[in-house]
């Protein structure tokens, strides 16, 4: 939160901002494991990366705590595939694989 103070000196307006110090405590949210496939949001798609080179695009989020499970730093590329449909199918299968494994052994 900031407060603004206006001052006028020789016809020139100056603005002074006073920022309040933030707490050093971060908003830690403990991991909450999913209990069913409905506790996950899986978004799958495909993208074109050159002539007949399609890659799967995947995003998997655990809804119970908002944790992004995929993509992560160092995540593998899903492709290349010769058709858009194959890339999409690969992304969907990989998403299902991530959900199944997180249900079995949750990453907290």
C-alpha atoms as a PDB file:
ATOM      1  CA  UNK A   1       0.000   0.000   0.000  1.00  0.00           C
ATOM      2  CA  UNK A   2       1.371   3.382  -0.907  1.00  0.00           C
ATOM      3  CA  UNK A   3       0.506   6.873   0.227  1.00  0.00           C
ATOM      4  CA  UNK A   4       0.917   9.786  -2.104  1.00  0.00           C
ATOM      5  CA  UNK A   5       1.969  13.220  -0.959  1.00  0.00           C
ATOM      6  CA  UNK A   6       1.841  16.155  -3.324  1.00  0.00           C
ATOM      7  CA  UNK A   7       4.033  19.218  -2.867  1.00  0.00           C
ATOM      8  CA  UNK A   8       4.357  22.344  -4.960  1.00  0.00           C
ATOM      9  CA  UNK A   9       7.652  24.159  -5.159  1.00  0.00           C
ATOM     10  CA  UNK A  10       8.103  27.081  -7.588  1.00  0.00           C
ATOM     11  CA  UNK A  11       5.161  25.895  -9.663  1.00  0.00           C
ATOM     12  CA  UNK A  12       6.583  22.344 -10.056  1.00  0.00           C
ATOM     13  CA  UNK A  13       4.521  19.564  -8.535  1.00  0.00           C
ATOM     14  CA  UNK A  14       6.403  16.703  -6.982  1.00  0.00           C
ATOM     15  CA  UNK A  15       5.023  13.383  -5.907  1.00  0.00           C
ATOM     16  CA  UNK A  16       6.424  11.442  -2.979  1.00  0.00           C
ATOM     17  CA  UNK A  17       5.600   7.790  -2.489  1.00  0.00           C
ATOM     18  CA  UNK A  18       5.857   6.104   0.883  1.00  0.00           C
ATOM     19  CA  UNK A  19       5.878   2.349   0.601  1.00  0.00           C
ATOM     20  CA  UNK A  20       5.066   0.181   3.572  1.00  0.00           C
ATOM     21  CA  UNK A  21       7.513  -2.590   4.297  1.00  0.00           C
ATOM     22  CA  UNK A  22       6.226  -6.019   3.363  1.00  0.00           C
ATOM     23  CA  UNK A  23       6.447  -8.914   5.739  1.00  0.00           C
ATOM     24  CA  UNK A  24       9.288 -11.368   5.180  1.00  0.00           C
ATOM     25  CA  UNK A  25       6.837 -14.226   5.643  1.00  0.00           C
ATOM     26  CA  UNK A  26       5.791 -15.653   2.309  1.00  0.00           C
ATOM     27  CA  UNK A  27       2.310 -17.028   1.738  1.00  0.00           C
ATOM     28  CA  UNK A  28       3.179 -20.702   2.130  1.00  0.00           C
ATOM     29  CA  UNK A  29       0.389 -22.973   0.968  1.00  0.00           C
ATOM     30  CA  UNK A  30       0.836 -26.591   2.030  1.00  0.00           C
ATOM     31  CA  UNK A  31       0.408 -29.234  -0.647  1.00  0.00           C
ATOM     32  CA  UNK A  32      -2.991 -30.892  -0.714  1.00  0.00           C
ATOM     33  CA  UNK A  33      -3.019 -34.157  -2.660  1.00  0.00           C
ATOM     34  CA  UNK A  34      -5.774 -34.856  -5.157  1.00  0.00           C
ATOM     35  CA  UNK A  35      -8.212 -37.650  -4.393  1.00  0.00           C
ATOM     36  CA  UNK A  36      -9.663 -38.225  -7.873  1.00  0.00           C
ATOM     37  CA  UNK A  37      -9.113 -37.298 -11.504  1.00  0.00           C
ATOM     38  CA  UNK A  38     -11.601 -34.457 -11.028  1.00  0.00           C
ATOM     39  CA  UNK A  39      -9.074 -32.711  -8.770  1.00  0.00           C
ATOM     40  CA  UNK A  40      -6.844 -31.978 -11.769  1.00  0.00           C
ATOM     41  CA  UNK A  41      -7.135 -29.564 -14.675  1.00  0.00           C
ATOM     42  CA  UNK A  42      -5.524 -30.974 -17.831  1.00  0.00           C
ATOM     43  CA  UNK A  43      -5.237 -28.736 -20.888  1.00  0.00           C
ATOM     44  CA  UNK A  44      -3.830 -30.350 -24.020  1.00  0.00           C
ATOM     45  CA  UNK A  45      -3.185 -28.851 -27.430  1.00  0.00           C
ATOM     46  CA  UNK A  46      -0.666 -28.767 -30.248  1.00  0.00           C
ATOM     47  CA  UNK A  47       1.538 -26.258 -32.004  1.00  0.00           C
ATOM     48  CA  UNK A  48       3.183 -26.160 -35.407  1.00  0.00           C
ATOM     49  CA  UNK A  49       6.968 -25.773 -35.383  1.00  0.00           C
ATOM     50  CA  UNK A  50       7.940 -25.996 -39.041  1.00  0.00           C
ATOM     51  CA  UNK A  51       6.872 -28.093 -41.976  1.00  0.00           C
ATOM     52  CA  UNK A  52       5.023 -31.179 -40.682  1.00  0.00           C
ATOM     53  CA  UNK A  53       6.505 -30.801 -37.209  1.00  0.00           C
ATOM     54  CA  UNK A  54       3.845 -30.659 -34.542  1.00  0.00           C
ATOM     55  CA  UNK A  55       4.512 -30.585 -30.817  1.00  0.00           C
ATOM     56  CA  UNK A  56       2.085 -31.366 -28.021  1.00  0.00           C
ATOM     57  CA  UNK A  57       1.312 -28.575 -25.573  1.00  0.00           C
ATOM     58  CA  UNK A  58       0.284 -29.646 -22.081  1.00  0.00           C
ATOM     59  CA  UNK A  59      -0.619 -27.972 -18.803  1.00  0.00           C
ATOM     60  CA  UNK A  60      -1.567 -29.972 -15.703  1.00  0.00           C
ATOM     61  CA  UNK A  61      -2.679 -28.194 -12.504  1.00  0.00           C
ATOM     62  CA  UNK A  62      -3.768 -29.836  -9.258  1.00  0.00           C
ATOM     63  CA  UNK A  63      -6.918 -27.904  -8.273  1.00  0.00           C
ATOM     64  CA  UNK A  64      -6.755 -28.736  -4.562  1.00  0.00           C
ATOM     65  CA  UNK A  65      -3.726 -26.498  -3.999  1.00  0.00           C
ATOM     66  CA  UNK A  66      -3.159 -24.850  -7.395  1.00  0.00           C
ATOM     67  CA  UNK A  67       0.184 -26.563  -7.956  1.00  0.00           C
ATOM     68  CA  UNK A  68       1.435 -26.616 -11.543  1.00  0.00           C
ATOM     69  CA  UNK A  69       2.568 -30.174 -12.246  1.00  0.00           C
ATOM     70  CA  UNK A  70       3.403 -29.721 -15.923  1.00  0.00           C
ATOM     71  CA  UNK A  71       5.224 -27.975 -17.563  1.00  0.00           C
ATOM     72  CA  UNK A  72       8.107 -27.671 -15.126  1.00  0.00           C
ATOM     73  CA  UNK A  73      11.685 -26.504 -15.607  1.00  0.00           C
ATOM     74  CA  UNK A  74      13.395 -29.088 -17.776  1.00  0.00           C
ATOM     75  CA  UNK A  75      10.131 -30.676 -18.929  1.00  0.00           C
ATOM     76  CA  UNK A  76      10.483 -32.759 -22.101  1.00  0.00           C
ATOM     77  CA  UNK A  77       9.138 -31.595 -25.441  1.00  0.00           C
ATOM     78  CA  UNK A  78       6.187 -33.631 -26.620  1.00  0.00           C
ATOM     79  CA  UNK A  79       7.172 -34.295 -30.192  1.00  0.00           C
ATOM     80  CA  UNK A  80       7.804 -33.747 -33.003  1.00  0.00           C
ATOM     81  CA  UNK A  81       4.917 -35.577 -34.658  1.00  0.00           C
ATOM     82  CA  UNK A  82       3.922 -35.553 -38.336  1.00  0.00           C
ATOM     83  CA  UNK A  83       0.283 -34.577 -37.677  1.00  0.00           C
ATOM     84  CA  UNK A  84      -1.607 -32.272 -35.358  1.00  0.00           C
ATOM     85  CA  UNK A  85      -3.819 -35.125 -34.174  1.00  0.00           C
ATOM     86  CA  UNK A  86      -0.846 -37.257 -33.111  1.00  0.00           C
ATOM     87  CA  UNK A  87       0.671 -34.372 -31.148  1.00  0.00           C
ATOM     88  CA  UNK A  88      -2.650 -33.705 -29.412  1.00  0.00           C
ATOM     89  CA  UNK A  89      -3.099 -37.409 -28.578  1.00  0.00           C
ATOM     90  CA  UNK A  90       0.430 -37.595 -27.159  1.00  0.00           C
ATOM     91  CA  UNK A  91      -0.224 -34.558 -24.947  1.00  0.00           C
ATOM     92  CA  UNK A  92      -3.490 -36.067 -23.683  1.00  0.00           C
ATOM     93  CA  UNK A  93      -1.880 -39.430 -22.895  1.00  0.00           C
ATOM     94  CA  UNK A  94       1.044 -37.758 -21.110  1.00  0.00           C
ATOM     95  CA  UNK A  95      -1.403 -35.639 -19.097  1.00  0.00           C
ATOM     96  CA  UNK A  96      -3.304 -38.745 -18.015  1.00  0.00           C
ATOM     97  CA  UNK A  97       0.022 -40.357 -17.073  1.00  0.00           C
ATOM     98  CA  UNK A  98       0.941 -37.370 -14.850  1.00  0.00           C
ATOM     99  CA  UNK A  99      -2.460 -37.434 -13.122  1.00  0.00           C
ATOM    100  CA  UNK A 100      -2.275 -41.195 -12.477  1.00  0.00           C
ATOM    101  CA  UNK A 101       1.198 -40.921 -10.965  1.00  0.00           C
ATOM    102  CA  UNK A 102       0.308 -37.917  -8.819  1.00  0.00           C
ATOM    103  CA  UNK A 103      -2.704 -39.774  -7.453  1.00  0.00           C
ATOM    104  CA  UNK A 104      -0.485 -42.749  -6.585  1.00  0.00           C
ATOM    105  CA  UNK A 105       2.414 -40.690  -5.145  1.00  0.00           C
ATOM    106  CA  UNK A 106       1.526 -37.013  -4.708  1.00  0.00           C
ATOM    107  CA  UNK A 107       4.239 -34.423  -5.152  1.00  0.00           C
ATOM    108  CA  UNK A 108       3.885 -32.164  -2.140  1.00  0.00           C
END
